Amino acid sequence: MGGLLSEKFLDTNLAIPFAGPPLNTPSLQKYKRMVDAWGGWNLFQTLLQTLKKISSKHGVSIPTVAVKYILDQPAVAGSMVGVRLGLSEHIQDSNAIFSLVLDEEDVNSIQEVSKRGKDLLKVIGDCGDEYRRA
């Protein structure tokens, strides 16, 4: 999600100018629009807080928990982890995905928050549909 699913954006209020990290890349701006369509910044903060609790429990980062949760879904065969060579490679986080085991409590916590959001497939369509709509 362009970096939004990370500790960097945890407990931030983007409604207050200059209060949080800037959304200064096209990727961050795109995924912020996805967050808004899904359920808004407040619900996203609830998701980040839930992921942080789980990540602290397992000694990993928020992105590691998020990717592992997605990879554990039956219809998912892979995940793309974004890197910017020399800026944010996240090698340790990426390797931790393969040893992390989310327990039933972890999964239920994430699902509790997720079900409060909208189904983005119904809202925006398949990946890239937002660019194909006029």
C-alpha atoms as a PDB file:
ATOM      1  CA  MET A   1       0.000   0.000   0.000  1.00  0.00           C
ATOM      2  CA  GLY A   2       2.766   2.363  -0.888  1.00  0.00           C
ATOM      3  CA  GLY A   3       4.002   2.502   2.695  1.00  0.00           C
ATOM      4  CA  LEU A   4       0.683   3.367   4.373  1.00  0.00           C
ATOM      5  CA  LEU A   5       0.536  -0.015   6.126  1.00  0.00           C
ATOM      6  CA  SER A   6       3.423   0.830   8.432  1.00  0.00           C
ATOM      7  CA  GLU A   7       4.365   2.262  11.785  1.00  0.00           C
ATOM      8  CA  LYS A   8       5.086   5.565  10.025  1.00  0.00           C
ATOM      9  CA  PHE A   9       1.367   6.292   9.630  1.00  0.00           C
ATOM     10  CA  LEU A  10       0.192   4.806  12.939  1.00  0.00           C
ATOM     11  CA  ASP A  11      -1.630   7.324  15.155  1.00  0.00           C
ATOM     12  CA  THR A  12      -1.476  10.123  12.589  1.00  0.00           C
ATOM     13  CA  ASN A  13      -4.208  12.590  11.754  1.00  0.00           C
ATOM     14  CA  LEU A  14      -3.978  13.663   8.143  1.00  0.00           C
ATOM     15  CA  ALA A  15      -6.808  16.151   8.645  1.00  0.00           C
ATOM     16  CA  ILE A  16      -4.356  18.432  10.451  1.00  0.00           C
ATOM     17  CA  PRO A  17      -1.965  20.016   7.930  1.00  0.00           C
ATOM     18  CA  PHE A  18       1.681  19.014   8.493  1.00  0.00           C
ATOM     19  CA  ALA A  19       0.721  16.867  11.520  1.00  0.00           C
ATOM     20  CA  GLY A  20       1.709  13.583   9.934  1.00  0.00           C
ATOM     21  CA  PRO A  21       4.015  12.232   7.289  1.00  0.00           C
ATOM     22  CA  PRO A  22       3.400  13.758   3.862  1.00  0.00           C
ATOM     23  CA  LEU A  23       1.624  11.796   1.164  1.00  0.00           C
ATOM     24  CA  ASN A  24       4.322  12.854  -1.258  1.00  0.00           C
ATOM     25  CA  THR A  25       4.411  10.012  -3.766  1.00  0.00           C
ATOM     26  CA  PRO A  26       1.861   8.965  -6.384  1.00  0.00           C
ATOM     27  CA  SER A  27       1.671   5.568  -4.683  1.00  0.00           C
ATOM     28  CA  LEU A  28       0.840   7.024  -1.250  1.00  0.00           C
ATOM     29  CA  GLN A  29      -1.774   9.298  -2.800  1.00  0.00           C
ATOM     30  CA  LYS A  30      -3.362   6.391  -4.692  1.00  0.00           C
ATOM     31  CA  TYR A  31      -3.550   4.154  -1.649  1.00  0.00           C
ATOM     32  CA  LYS A  32      -4.870   6.984   0.522  1.00  0.00           C
ATOM     33  CA  ARG A  33      -7.790   7.176  -1.937  1.00  0.00           C
ATOM     34  CA  MET A  34      -8.250   3.411  -1.478  1.00  0.00           C
ATOM     35  CA  VAL A  35      -8.306   3.871   2.303  1.00  0.00           C
ATOM     36  CA  ASP A  36     -10.946   6.582   1.921  1.00  0.00           C
ATOM     37  CA  ALA A  37     -13.074   4.322  -0.313  1.00  0.00           C
ATOM     38  CA  TRP A  38     -12.644   1.368   2.079  1.00  0.00           C
ATOM     39  CA  GLY A  39     -13.720   3.066   5.285  1.00  0.00           C
ATOM     40  CA  GLY A  40     -11.772   6.238   5.923  1.00  0.00           C
ATOM     41  CA  TRP A  41      -8.716   7.258   7.866  1.00  0.00           C
ATOM     42  CA  ASN A  42     -10.211   6.566  11.323  1.00  0.00           C
ATOM     43  CA  LEU A  43     -11.007   2.946  10.459  1.00  0.00           C
ATOM     44  CA  PHE A  44      -7.575   2.615   8.871  1.00  0.00           C
ATOM     45  CA  GLN A  45      -6.042   3.820  12.140  1.00  0.00           C
ATOM     46  CA  THR A  46      -7.981   1.095  13.957  1.00  0.00           C
ATOM     47  CA  LEU A  47      -6.528  -1.439  11.520  1.00  0.00           C
ATOM     48  CA  LEU A  48      -2.997  -0.087  12.050  1.00  0.00           C
ATOM     49  CA  GLN A  49      -3.455  -0.238  15.839  1.00  0.00           C
ATOM     50  CA  THR A  50      -4.635  -3.838  15.560  1.00  0.00           C
ATOM     51  CA  LEU A  51      -1.705  -4.759  13.333  1.00  0.00           C
ATOM     52  CA  LYS A  52       0.689  -3.010  15.737  1.00  0.00           C
ATOM     53  CA  LYS A  53      -0.620  -5.032  18.678  1.00  0.00           C
ATOM     54  CA  ILE A  54      -0.080  -8.246  16.723  1.00  0.00           C
ATOM     55  CA  SER A  55       3.321  -7.143  15.422  1.00  0.00           C
ATOM     56  CA  SER A  56       4.504  -6.306  18.950  1.00  0.00           C
ATOM     57  CA  LYS A  57       3.316  -9.704  20.178  1.00  0.00           C
ATOM     58  CA  HIS A  58       5.416 -11.460  17.512  1.00  0.00           C
ATOM     59  CA  GLY A  59       8.375  -9.057  17.431  1.00  0.00           C
ATOM     60  CA  VAL A  60       7.887  -8.064  13.795  1.00  0.00           C
ATOM     61  CA  SER A  61       6.695  -4.971  11.925  1.00  0.00           C
ATOM     62  CA  ILE A  62       3.200  -3.932  10.853  1.00  0.00           C
ATOM     63  CA  PRO A  63       3.959  -4.611   7.156  1.00  0.00           C
ATOM     64  CA  THR A  64       5.185  -8.115   8.018  1.00  0.00           C
ATOM     65  CA  VAL A  65       1.899  -8.946   9.756  1.00  0.00           C
ATOM     66  CA  ALA A  66      -0.146  -7.413   6.927  1.00  0.00           C
ATOM     67  CA  VAL A  67       1.643  -9.359   4.198  1.00  0.00           C
ATOM     68  CA  LYS A  68       1.503 -12.611   6.164  1.00  0.00           C
ATOM     69  CA  TYR A  69      -2.229 -12.182   6.765  1.00  0.00           C
ATOM     70  CA  ILE A  70      -2.837 -11.659   3.037  1.00  0.00           C
ATOM     71  CA  LEU A  71      -0.595 -14.575   2.029  1.00  0.00           C
ATOM     72  CA  ASP A  72      -2.565 -16.843   4.372  1.00  0.00           C
ATOM     73  CA  GLN A  73      -5.805 -16.187   2.469  1.00  0.00           C
ATOM     74  CA  PRO A  74      -6.932 -19.196   0.399  1.00  0.00           C
ATOM     75  CA  ALA A  75      -7.193 -17.339  -2.922  1.00  0.00           C
ATOM     76  CA  VAL A  76      -3.793 -15.623  -2.614  1.00  0.00           C
ATOM     77  CA  ALA A  77      -0.710 -17.123  -4.230  1.00  0.00           C
ATOM     78  CA  GLY A  78       1.698 -14.223  -3.788  1.00  0.00           C
ATOM     79  CA  SER A  79       2.271 -10.684  -2.623  1.00  0.00           C
ATOM     80  CA  MET A  80       4.294  -7.840  -4.072  1.00  0.00           C
ATOM     81  CA  VAL A  81       6.493  -6.152  -1.499  1.00  0.00           C
ATOM     82  CA  GLY A  82       7.512  -2.710  -2.665  1.00  0.00           C
ATOM     83  CA  VAL A  83      11.122  -1.673  -2.329  1.00  0.00           C
ATOM     84  CA  ARG A  84      13.057   1.400  -3.276  1.00  0.00           C
ATOM     85  CA  LEU A  85      16.670   0.317  -3.554  1.00  0.00           C
ATOM     86  CA  GLY A  86      18.868   2.253  -1.217  1.00  0.00           C
ATOM     87  CA  LEU A  87      15.866   3.834   0.515  1.00  0.00           C
ATOM     88  CA  SER A  88      13.647   1.100   1.879  1.00  0.00           C
ATOM     89  CA  GLU A  89      14.688  -2.443   1.128  1.00  0.00           C
ATOM     90  CA  HIS A  90      13.058  -4.153   4.148  1.00  0.00           C
ATOM     91  CA  ILE A  91      15.054  -7.373   3.746  1.00  0.00           C
ATOM     92  CA  GLN A  92      14.621  -8.488   7.378  1.00  0.00           C
ATOM     93  CA  ASP A  93      10.885  -7.718   7.321  1.00  0.00           C
ATOM     94  CA  SER A  94      10.452  -9.658   4.091  1.00  0.00           C
ATOM     95  CA  ASN A  95      12.301 -12.679   5.470  1.00  0.00           C
ATOM     96  CA  ALA A  96      10.269 -12.588   8.706  1.00  0.00           C
ATOM     97  CA  ILE A  97       7.061 -13.154   6.723  1.00  0.00           C
ATOM     98  CA  PHE A  98       8.026 -16.786   6.151  1.00  0.00           C
ATOM     99  CA  SER A  99       8.585 -17.647   9.815  1.00  0.00           C
ATOM    100  CA  LEU A 100       5.627 -15.697  11.221  1.00  0.00           C
ATOM    101  CA  VAL A 101       2.636 -17.779  12.278  1.00  0.00           C
ATOM    102  CA  LEU A 102      -0.534 -15.836  12.995  1.00  0.00           C
ATOM    103  CA  ASP A 103      -2.713 -17.546  15.555  1.00  0.00           C
ATOM    104  CA  GLU A 104      -6.504 -17.619  15.608  1.00  0.00           C
ATOM    105  CA  GLU A 105      -6.681 -14.584  17.903  1.00  0.00           C
ATOM    106  CA  ASP A 106      -4.476 -12.570  15.500  1.00  0.00           C
ATOM    107  CA  VAL A 107      -6.571 -13.501  12.475  1.00  0.00           C
ATOM    108  CA  ASN A 108      -9.849 -12.793  14.272  1.00  0.00           C
ATOM    109  CA  SER A 109      -8.592  -9.370  15.385  1.00  0.00           C
ATOM    110  CA  ILE A 110      -7.713  -8.390  11.826  1.00  0.00           C
ATOM    111  CA  GLN A 111     -11.004  -9.740  10.475  1.00  0.00           C
ATOM    112  CA  GLU A 112     -12.973  -7.791  13.104  1.00  0.00           C
ATOM    113  CA  VAL A 113     -11.609  -4.534  11.715  1.00  0.00           C
ATOM    114  CA  SER A 114     -11.619  -5.593   8.059  1.00  0.00           C
ATOM    115  CA  LYS A 115     -15.297  -6.502   8.040  1.00  0.00           C
ATOM    116  CA  ARG A 116     -16.154  -2.953   9.131  1.00  0.00           C
ATOM    117  CA  GLY A 117     -14.761  -1.625   5.848  1.00  0.00           C
ATOM    118  CA  LYS A 118     -16.303  -1.780   2.403  1.00  0.00           C
ATOM    119  CA  ASP A 119     -15.549  -4.455  -0.179  1.00  0.00           C
ATOM    120  CA  LEU A 120     -13.144  -2.587  -2.478  1.00  0.00           C
ATOM    121  CA  LEU A 121     -13.768  -5.026  -5.312  1.00  0.00           C
ATOM    122  CA  LYS A 122     -17.380  -3.842  -5.321  1.00  0.00           C
ATOM    123  CA  VAL A 123     -16.469  -0.176  -4.792  1.00  0.00           C
ATOM    124  CA  ILE A 124     -13.614   0.287  -7.276  1.00  0.00           C
ATOM    125  CA  GLY A 125     -13.524  -2.962  -9.212  1.00  0.00           C
ATOM    126  CA  ASP A 126     -10.570  -5.127 -10.070  1.00  0.00           C
ATOM    127  CA  CYS A 127      -6.971  -3.952  -9.776  1.00  0.00           C
ATOM    128  CA  GLY A 128      -6.495  -1.017 -12.116  1.00  0.00           C
ATOM    129  CA  ASP A 129     -10.216  -0.406 -12.685  1.00  0.00           C
ATOM    130  CA  GLU A 130      -9.837   3.025 -11.106  1.00  0.00           C
ATOM    131  CA  TYR A 131      -7.749   3.987 -14.146  1.00  0.00           C
ATOM    132  CA  ARG A 132     -10.152   2.491 -16.695  1.00  0.00           C
ATOM    133  CA  ARG A 133     -13.225   4.379 -15.456  1.00  0.00           C
ATOM    134  CA  ALA A 134     -13.964   7.761 -16.936  1.00  0.00           C
END
